[in-house]
Amino acid sequence: MTNTVFVLNGPNLNLLGTREPEIYGSDTLADIEAALRGQAEQLGLAIEFRQTNHEGELIDWLHETQREGAKAVLLNAAAYTHTSIALLDAIKAIDVPVIEVHLSDPTKREAFRHTSYVGMAAVDCVQGLGPHSYSVALEKAAAL
């Protein structure tokens, strides 16, 4: 196992900072990445930070975490959280612990967001803390 934590981000998160700031805040994904890199250095961790709008790419990256011997995955699958059995199966297929991350709290939003396929296999979930959700999740990953 390495000390690398993969931070995988799903669809539309490339638009953070401008996309529905009343829900997701004004921080960009680059802002979140910069903060996490600083925190990771203090924790003695390396970060592999990625974003895609494509479900299959997220699945390939989850498989890669297994091959690379990653310490953990922080996964903000965005809308795929609520729709992707394929992501659920990919998480179940790897031994790397996955921590589900959300900026908002899906349980306080539309009913269709209340089901989390990612959460059915993730070891933990951090949600509703805005960008701080990533920081809390990284602390949890460091403790694994």
N, C-alpha and C. Protein backbone atom coordinates (compact mmCIF):
# COMPACT_ATOMS: atom_id res chain seq x y z
N MET A 1 0.84 -1.19 0.00
CA MET A 1 0.00 0.00 0.00
C MET A 1 0.89 1.25 0.00
N THR A 2 0.50 2.23 -0.78
CA THR A 2 1.20 3.51 -0.82
C THR A 2 0.50 4.50 0.11
N ASN A 3 1.06 5.69 0.19
CA ASN A 3 0.43 6.74 0.98
C ASN A 3 -0.39 7.68 0.09
N THR A 4 -0.76 7.19 -1.10
CA THR A 4 -1.51 8.01 -2.05
C THR A 4 -3.01 7.87 -1.83
N VAL A 5 -3.67 9.01 -1.79
CA VAL A 5 -5.12 9.07 -1.72
C VAL A 5 -5.60 9.64 -3.06
N PHE A 6 -6.43 8.87 -3.74
CA PHE A 6 -7.04 9.34 -4.98
C PHE A 6 -8.27 10.15 -4.62
N VAL A 7 -8.40 11.33 -5.20
CA VAL A 7 -9.58 12.17 -5.01
C VAL A 7 -10.25 12.25 -6.38
N LEU A 8 -11.34 11.51 -6.51
CA LEU A 8 -12.03 11.37 -7.80
C LEU A 8 -13.34 12.14 -7.78
N ASN A 9 -13.52 12.96 -8.78
CA ASN A 9 -14.67 13.84 -8.87
C ASN A 9 -15.44 13.59 -10.16
N GLY A 10 -16.76 13.54 -10.04
CA GLY A 10 -17.62 13.21 -11.16
C GLY A 10 -18.16 14.41 -11.91
N PRO A 11 -19.28 14.19 -12.61
CA PRO A 11 -19.80 15.14 -13.57
C PRO A 11 -20.19 16.48 -12.98
N ASN A 12 -19.89 17.49 -13.76
CA ASN A 12 -20.26 18.89 -13.51
C ASN A 12 -19.46 19.56 -12.40
N LEU A 13 -18.60 18.80 -11.72
CA LEU A 13 -17.80 19.42 -10.66
C LEU A 13 -16.72 20.34 -11.23
N ASN A 14 -16.42 20.21 -12.52
CA ASN A 14 -15.52 21.16 -13.18
C ASN A 14 -16.13 22.56 -13.22
N LEU A 15 -17.43 22.68 -12.97
CA LEU A 15 -18.12 23.97 -13.00
C LEU A 15 -18.28 24.60 -11.62
N LEU A 16 -17.68 23.97 -10.60
CA LEU A 16 -17.78 24.55 -9.25
C LEU A 16 -17.28 25.99 -9.27
N GLY A 17 -17.90 26.80 -8.46
CA GLY A 17 -17.56 28.22 -8.40
C GLY A 17 -18.56 29.06 -9.16
N THR A 18 -19.12 28.48 -10.22
CA THR A 18 -20.14 29.18 -11.00
C THR A 18 -21.45 28.42 -11.04
N ARG A 19 -21.41 27.12 -10.81
CA ARG A 19 -22.61 26.28 -10.87
C ARG A 19 -23.36 26.33 -9.54
N GLU A 20 -24.57 26.83 -9.56
CA GLU A 20 -25.44 26.88 -8.39
C GLU A 20 -24.68 27.20 -7.09
N PRO A 21 -24.06 28.37 -7.03
CA PRO A 21 -23.26 28.71 -5.84
C PRO A 21 -24.07 28.72 -4.55
N GLU A 22 -25.39 28.91 -4.65
CA GLU A 22 -26.21 28.88 -3.45
C GLU A 22 -26.27 27.48 -2.84
N ILE A 23 -25.95 26.46 -3.63
CA ILE A 23 -25.91 25.07 -3.14
C ILE A 23 -24.47 24.64 -2.91
N TYR A 24 -23.59 24.92 -3.88
CA TYR A 24 -22.24 24.35 -3.86
C TYR A 24 -21.15 25.33 -3.43
N GLY A 25 -21.50 26.60 -3.24
CA GLY A 25 -20.52 27.58 -2.81
C GLY A 25 -19.77 28.19 -3.97
N SER A 26 -18.81 29.05 -3.66
CA SER A 26 -18.07 29.78 -4.69
C SER A 26 -16.66 29.24 -4.92
N ASP A 27 -16.23 28.28 -4.12
CA ASP A 27 -14.90 27.69 -4.33
C ASP A 27 -14.91 26.86 -5.61
N THR A 28 -13.83 26.94 -6.36
CA THR A 28 -13.68 26.11 -7.55
C THR A 28 -13.07 24.77 -7.16
N LEU A 29 -13.10 23.84 -8.09
CA LEU A 29 -12.46 22.55 -7.83
C LEU A 29 -10.95 22.75 -7.66
N ALA A 30 -10.37 23.70 -8.37
CA ALA A 30 -8.94 24.01 -8.21
C ALA A 30 -8.66 24.53 -6.80
N ASP A 31 -9.57 25.33 -6.25
CA ASP A 31 -9.42 25.82 -4.86
C ASP A 31 -9.41 24.65 -3.88
N ILE A 32 -10.33 23.73 -4.09
CA ILE A 32 -10.43 22.55 -3.21
C ILE A 32 -9.17 21.71 -3.34
N GLU A 33 -8.71 21.51 -4.57
CA GLU A 33 -7.49 20.73 -4.78
C GLU A 33 -6.29 21.37 -4.08
N ALA A 34 -6.12 22.67 -4.22
CA ALA A 34 -4.99 23.36 -3.59
C ALA A 34 -5.02 23.20 -2.08
N ALA A 35 -6.18 23.36 -1.47
CA ALA A 35 -6.30 23.20 -0.02
C ALA A 35 -5.98 21.78 0.40
N LEU A 36 -6.48 20.80 -0.37
CA LEU A 36 -6.23 19.39 -0.03
C LEU A 36 -4.76 19.04 -0.16
N ARG A 37 -4.09 19.59 -1.18
CA ARG A 37 -2.66 19.29 -1.35
C ARG A 37 -1.86 19.77 -0.15
N GLY A 38 -2.18 20.95 0.34
CA GLY A 38 -1.50 21.45 1.53
C GLY A 38 -1.76 20.60 2.75
N GLN A 39 -3.01 20.21 2.93
CA GLN A 39 -3.38 19.36 4.06
C GLN A 39 -2.71 17.99 3.94
N ALA A 40 -2.71 17.43 2.73
CA ALA A 40 -2.11 16.11 2.52
C ALA A 40 -0.62 16.13 2.86
N GLU A 41 0.05 17.19 2.48
CA GLU A 41 1.48 17.29 2.80
C GLU A 41 1.70 17.26 4.31
N GLN A 42 0.86 17.97 5.05
CA GLN A 42 0.96 17.97 6.51
C GLN A 42 0.68 16.59 7.10
N LEU A 43 -0.16 15.81 6.42
CA LEU A 43 -0.51 14.47 6.89
C LEU A 43 0.43 13.38 6.37
N GLY A 44 1.40 13.77 5.56
CA GLY A 44 2.32 12.80 4.99
C GLY A 44 1.70 11.95 3.89
N LEU A 45 0.72 12.52 3.20
CA LEU A 45 0.02 11.80 2.13
C LEU A 45 0.31 12.44 0.78
N ALA A 46 0.19 11.66 -0.25
CA ALA A 46 0.22 12.16 -1.62
C ALA A 46 -1.21 12.15 -2.15
N ILE A 47 -1.50 13.08 -3.03
CA ILE A 47 -2.85 13.20 -3.59
C ILE A 47 -2.78 12.99 -5.11
N GLU A 48 -3.70 12.21 -5.61
CA GLU A 48 -3.94 12.09 -7.06
C GLU A 48 -5.34 12.63 -7.27
N PHE A 49 -5.47 13.85 -7.80
CA PHE A 49 -6.73 14.58 -7.88
C PHE A 49 -7.21 14.60 -9.33
N ARG A 50 -8.44 14.14 -9.57
CA ARG A 50 -8.97 14.04 -10.92
C ARG A 50 -10.46 14.38 -10.98
N GLN A 51 -10.89 14.81 -12.17
CA GLN A 51 -12.31 15.08 -12.42
C GLN A 51 -12.66 14.60 -13.82
N THR A 52 -13.84 14.02 -13.96
CA THR A 52 -14.35 13.61 -15.26
C THR A 52 -15.85 13.74 -15.30
N ASN A 53 -16.36 13.91 -16.50
CA ASN A 53 -17.81 13.91 -16.69
C ASN A 53 -18.30 12.56 -17.20
N HIS A 54 -17.42 11.55 -17.19
CA HIS A 54 -17.72 10.25 -17.80
C HIS A 54 -17.67 9.12 -16.78
N GLU A 55 -18.77 8.40 -16.68
CA GLU A 55 -18.91 7.32 -15.70
C GLU A 55 -17.84 6.24 -15.88
N GLY A 56 -17.60 5.82 -17.11
CA GLY A 56 -16.63 4.77 -17.36
C GLY A 56 -15.22 5.16 -16.92
N GLU A 57 -14.89 6.44 -17.06
CA GLU A 57 -13.58 6.89 -16.62
C GLU A 57 -13.45 6.79 -15.10
N LEU A 58 -14.50 7.13 -14.38
CA LEU A 58 -14.48 6.96 -12.92
C LEU A 58 -14.25 5.49 -12.55
N ILE A 59 -14.91 4.60 -13.28
CA ILE A 59 -14.75 3.16 -13.02
C ILE A 59 -13.32 2.73 -13.30
N ASP A 60 -12.76 3.17 -14.42
CA ASP A 60 -11.36 2.84 -14.74
C ASP A 60 -10.42 3.36 -13.65
N TRP A 61 -10.67 4.57 -13.17
CA TRP A 61 -9.82 5.13 -12.12
C TRP A 61 -9.95 4.35 -10.82
N LEU A 62 -11.14 3.90 -10.48
CA LEU A 62 -11.29 3.06 -9.28
C LEU A 62 -10.48 1.78 -9.42
N HIS A 63 -10.52 1.16 -10.59
CA HIS A 63 -9.70 -0.04 -10.82
C HIS A 63 -8.22 0.29 -10.69
N GLU A 64 -7.82 1.45 -11.19
CA GLU A 64 -6.42 1.88 -11.10
C GLU A 64 -5.95 2.01 -9.65
N THR A 65 -6.85 2.47 -8.78
CA THR A 65 -6.45 2.62 -7.37
C THR A 65 -6.03 1.28 -6.78
N GLN A 66 -6.69 0.23 -7.21
CA GLN A 66 -6.34 -1.12 -6.74
C GLN A 66 -4.95 -1.50 -7.25
N ARG A 67 -4.72 -1.30 -8.56
CA ARG A 67 -3.42 -1.66 -9.16
C ARG A 67 -2.28 -0.86 -8.53
N GLU A 68 -2.56 0.40 -8.20
CA GLU A 68 -1.53 1.28 -7.65
C GLU A 68 -1.33 1.11 -6.15
N GLY A 69 -2.18 0.34 -5.51
CA GLY A 69 -2.06 0.14 -4.07
C GLY A 69 -2.36 1.39 -3.27
N ALA A 70 -3.34 2.15 -3.70
CA ALA A 70 -3.70 3.40 -3.02
C ALA A 70 -4.13 3.15 -1.59
N LYS A 71 -3.89 4.14 -0.76
CA LYS A 71 -4.33 4.07 0.64
C LYS A 71 -5.84 4.18 0.75
N ALA A 72 -6.43 5.08 -0.05
CA ALA A 72 -7.88 5.32 0.02
C ALA A 72 -8.31 6.11 -1.20
N VAL A 73 -9.62 6.21 -1.36
CA VAL A 73 -10.23 7.04 -2.40
C VAL A 73 -11.25 7.95 -1.73
N LEU A 74 -11.19 9.23 -2.06
CA LEU A 74 -12.27 10.15 -1.74
C LEU A 74 -13.05 10.29 -3.03
N LEU A 75 -14.32 9.91 -3.02
CA LEU A 75 -15.12 9.89 -4.24
C LEU A 75 -16.33 10.81 -4.12
N ASN A 76 -16.31 11.87 -4.91
CA ASN A 76 -17.51 12.68 -5.10
C ASN A 76 -18.03 12.33 -6.49
N ALA A 77 -18.90 11.36 -6.54
CA ALA A 77 -19.42 10.88 -7.81
C ALA A 77 -20.53 11.78 -8.35
N ALA A 78 -20.85 12.83 -7.63
CA ALA A 78 -21.88 13.79 -8.05
C ALA A 78 -23.17 13.03 -8.37
N ALA A 79 -23.82 13.34 -9.46
CA ALA A 79 -25.11 12.72 -9.78
C ALA A 79 -25.02 11.21 -9.96
N TYR A 80 -23.85 10.71 -10.35
CA TYR A 80 -23.69 9.25 -10.49
C TYR A 80 -23.89 8.53 -9.16
N THR A 81 -23.74 9.24 -8.07
CA THR A 81 -23.98 8.67 -6.74
C THR A 81 -25.35 8.01 -6.67
N HIS A 82 -26.32 8.64 -7.31
CA HIS A 82 -27.72 8.25 -7.18
C HIS A 82 -28.22 7.37 -8.33
N THR A 83 -27.34 7.08 -9.28
CA THR A 83 -27.79 6.37 -10.48
C THR A 83 -26.93 5.19 -10.88
N SER A 84 -25.70 5.11 -10.38
CA SER A 84 -24.74 4.18 -10.98
C SER A 84 -24.50 2.91 -10.17
N ILE A 85 -25.17 1.87 -10.60
CA ILE A 85 -24.88 0.54 -10.05
C ILE A 85 -23.49 0.10 -10.50
N ALA A 86 -23.06 0.56 -11.66
CA ALA A 86 -21.71 0.23 -12.15
C ALA A 86 -20.63 0.77 -11.20
N LEU A 87 -20.82 1.97 -10.67
CA LEU A 87 -19.87 2.48 -9.67
C LEU A 87 -19.92 1.67 -8.39
N LEU A 88 -21.11 1.30 -7.96
CA LEU A 88 -21.25 0.43 -6.79
C LEU A 88 -20.45 -0.85 -7.00
N ASP A 89 -20.63 -1.48 -8.15
CA ASP A 89 -19.91 -2.73 -8.43
C ASP A 89 -18.41 -2.51 -8.47
N ALA A 90 -17.95 -1.39 -9.02
CA ALA A 90 -16.52 -1.11 -9.09
C ALA A 90 -15.93 -0.93 -7.69
N ILE A 91 -16.66 -0.24 -6.82
CA ILE A 91 -16.18 -0.06 -5.44
C ILE A 91 -16.11 -1.40 -4.72
N LYS A 92 -17.12 -2.22 -4.93
CA LYS A 92 -17.13 -3.55 -4.30
C LYS A 92 -16.03 -4.46 -4.85
N ALA A 93 -15.57 -4.19 -6.07
CA ALA A 93 -14.57 -5.03 -6.71
C ALA A 93 -13.14 -4.74 -6.28
N ILE A 94 -12.94 -3.63 -5.57
CA ILE A 94 -11.58 -3.26 -5.14
C ILE A 94 -11.47 -3.36 -3.63
N ASP A 95 -10.22 -3.49 -3.17
CA ASP A 95 -9.96 -3.56 -1.73
C ASP A 95 -9.63 -2.20 -1.13
N VAL A 96 -9.51 -1.18 -1.95
CA VAL A 96 -9.16 0.15 -1.48
C VAL A 96 -10.39 0.79 -0.83
N PRO A 97 -10.27 1.29 0.40
CA PRO A 97 -11.42 1.92 1.04
C PRO A 97 -11.83 3.20 0.33
N VAL A 98 -13.13 3.35 0.13
CA VAL A 98 -13.69 4.52 -0.54
C VAL A 98 -14.51 5.32 0.47
N ILE A 99 -14.24 6.60 0.53
CA ILE A 99 -15.01 7.52 1.37
C ILE A 99 -15.82 8.40 0.43
N GLU A 100 -17.14 8.36 0.59
CA GLU A 100 -18.05 9.17 -0.22
C GLU A 100 -18.00 10.62 0.27
N VAL A 101 -17.96 11.56 -0.68
CA VAL A 101 -17.86 12.98 -0.34
C VAL A 101 -18.93 13.75 -1.11
N HIS A 102 -19.59 14.69 -0.40
CA HIS A 102 -20.54 15.60 -1.04
C HIS A 102 -20.41 16.98 -0.42
N LEU A 103 -20.44 18.00 -1.26
CA LEU A 103 -20.43 19.37 -0.78
C LEU A 103 -21.73 19.70 -0.05
N SER A 104 -22.85 19.34 -0.66
CA SER A 104 -24.15 19.57 -0.05
C SER A 104 -24.57 18.30 0.70
N ASP A 105 -25.70 18.35 1.33
CA ASP A 105 -26.24 17.18 2.02
C ASP A 105 -27.38 16.62 1.17
N PRO A 106 -27.13 15.55 0.43
CA PRO A 106 -28.17 15.01 -0.45
C PRO A 106 -29.45 14.63 0.27
N THR A 107 -29.37 14.29 1.54
CA THR A 107 -30.58 13.89 2.27
C THR A 107 -31.51 15.07 2.55
N LYS A 108 -31.01 16.28 2.35
CA LYS A 108 -31.83 17.48 2.56
C LYS A 108 -32.24 18.12 1.24
N ARG A 109 -32.06 17.35 0.16
CA ARG A 109 -32.40 17.86 -1.17
C ARG A 109 -33.51 17.02 -1.78
N GLU A 110 -33.64 17.02 -3.08
CA GLU A 110 -34.70 16.30 -3.76
C GLU A 110 -34.68 14.82 -3.39
N ALA A 111 -35.85 14.20 -3.40
CA ALA A 111 -35.99 12.80 -2.98
C ALA A 111 -35.12 11.86 -3.80
N PHE A 112 -34.94 12.15 -5.09
CA PHE A 112 -34.12 11.25 -5.91
C PHE A 112 -32.66 11.23 -5.50
N ARG A 113 -32.23 12.21 -4.71
CA ARG A 113 -30.84 12.24 -4.23
C ARG A 113 -30.66 11.48 -2.91
N HIS A 114 -31.72 10.94 -2.36
CA HIS A 114 -31.64 10.26 -1.07
C HIS A 114 -31.04 8.86 -1.16
N THR A 115 -31.03 8.26 -2.33
CA THR A 115 -30.42 6.95 -2.51
C THR A 115 -28.99 7.13 -2.98
N SER A 116 -28.06 6.48 -2.30
CA SER A 116 -26.65 6.54 -2.68
C SER A 116 -26.14 5.14 -2.96
N TYR A 117 -25.94 4.85 -4.24
CA TYR A 117 -25.33 3.57 -4.60
C TYR A 117 -23.88 3.54 -4.14
N VAL A 118 -23.19 4.66 -4.23
CA VAL A 118 -21.81 4.74 -3.74
C VAL A 118 -21.77 4.40 -2.26
N GLY A 119 -22.71 4.95 -1.50
CA GLY A 119 -22.75 4.72 -0.06
C GLY A 119 -23.00 3.28 0.34
N MET A 120 -23.55 2.49 -0.57
CA MET A 120 -23.79 1.08 -0.27
C MET A 120 -22.49 0.28 -0.16
N ALA A 121 -21.39 0.84 -0.67
CA ALA A 121 -20.11 0.13 -0.61
C ALA A 121 -19.00 0.97 0.04
N ALA A 122 -19.22 2.27 0.20
CA ALA A 122 -18.21 3.13 0.80
C ALA A 122 -18.05 2.81 2.29
N VAL A 123 -16.86 3.06 2.82
CA VAL A 123 -16.62 2.81 4.25
C VAL A 123 -17.09 3.97 5.11
N ASP A 124 -17.29 5.13 4.50
CA ASP A 124 -17.72 6.30 5.26
C ASP A 124 -18.29 7.33 4.29
N CYS A 125 -18.92 8.35 4.84
CA CYS A 125 -19.49 9.43 4.02
C CYS A 125 -19.34 10.74 4.77
N VAL A 126 -18.89 11.77 4.05
CA VAL A 126 -18.82 13.12 4.60
C VAL A 126 -19.61 14.01 3.65
N GLN A 127 -20.61 14.69 4.19
CA GLN A 127 -21.49 15.49 3.32
C GLN A 127 -21.98 16.73 4.04
N GLY A 128 -22.34 17.72 3.24
CA GLY A 128 -23.00 18.90 3.78
C GLY A 128 -22.10 19.93 4.41
N LEU A 129 -20.80 19.80 4.24
CA LEU A 129 -19.86 20.74 4.86
C LEU A 129 -19.21 21.66 3.84
N GLY A 130 -19.76 21.71 2.64
CA GLY A 130 -19.13 22.51 1.58
C GLY A 130 -17.76 21.94 1.28
N PRO A 131 -16.82 22.79 0.88
CA PRO A 131 -15.47 22.30 0.56
C PRO A 131 -14.79 21.59 1.74
N HIS A 132 -15.21 21.93 2.94
CA HIS A 132 -14.63 21.29 4.14
C HIS A 132 -14.94 19.78 4.17
N SER A 133 -15.94 19.34 3.43
CA SER A 133 -16.24 17.90 3.34
C SER A 133 -15.00 17.13 2.87
N TYR A 134 -14.28 17.70 1.91
CA TYR A 134 -13.08 17.04 1.41
C TYR A 134 -11.99 16.96 2.49
N SER A 135 -11.84 18.02 3.23
CA SER A 135 -10.83 18.07 4.29
C SER A 135 -11.12 17.04 5.38
N VAL A 136 -12.36 16.95 5.80
CA VAL A 136 -12.75 15.97 6.82
C VAL A 136 -12.54 14.55 6.28
N ALA A 137 -12.89 14.34 5.02
CA ALA A 137 -12.71 13.02 4.42
C ALA A 137 -11.23 12.65 4.32
N LEU A 138 -10.38 13.62 4.03
CA LEU A 138 -8.94 13.35 3.97
C LEU A 138 -8.41 12.96 5.34
N GLU A 139 -8.88 13.63 6.39
CA GLU A 139 -8.49 13.25 7.76
C GLU A 139 -8.90 11.81 8.05
N LYS A 140 -10.10 11.44 7.62
CA LYS A 140 -10.57 10.08 7.83
C LYS A 140 -9.71 9.09 7.04
N ALA A 141 -9.34 9.44 5.83
CA ALA A 141 -8.48 8.57 5.02
C ALA A 141 -7.11 8.41 5.68
N ALA A 142 -6.58 9.48 6.23
CA ALA A 142 -5.27 9.41 6.90
C ALA A 142 -5.30 8.46 8.08
N ALA A 143 -6.45 8.36 8.72
CA ALA A 143 -6.59 7.52 9.92
C ALA A 143 -6.79 6.04 9.59
N LEU A 144 -7.02 5.72 8.32
CA LEU A 144 -7.24 4.31 7.95
C LEU A 144 -5.97 3.49 8.07
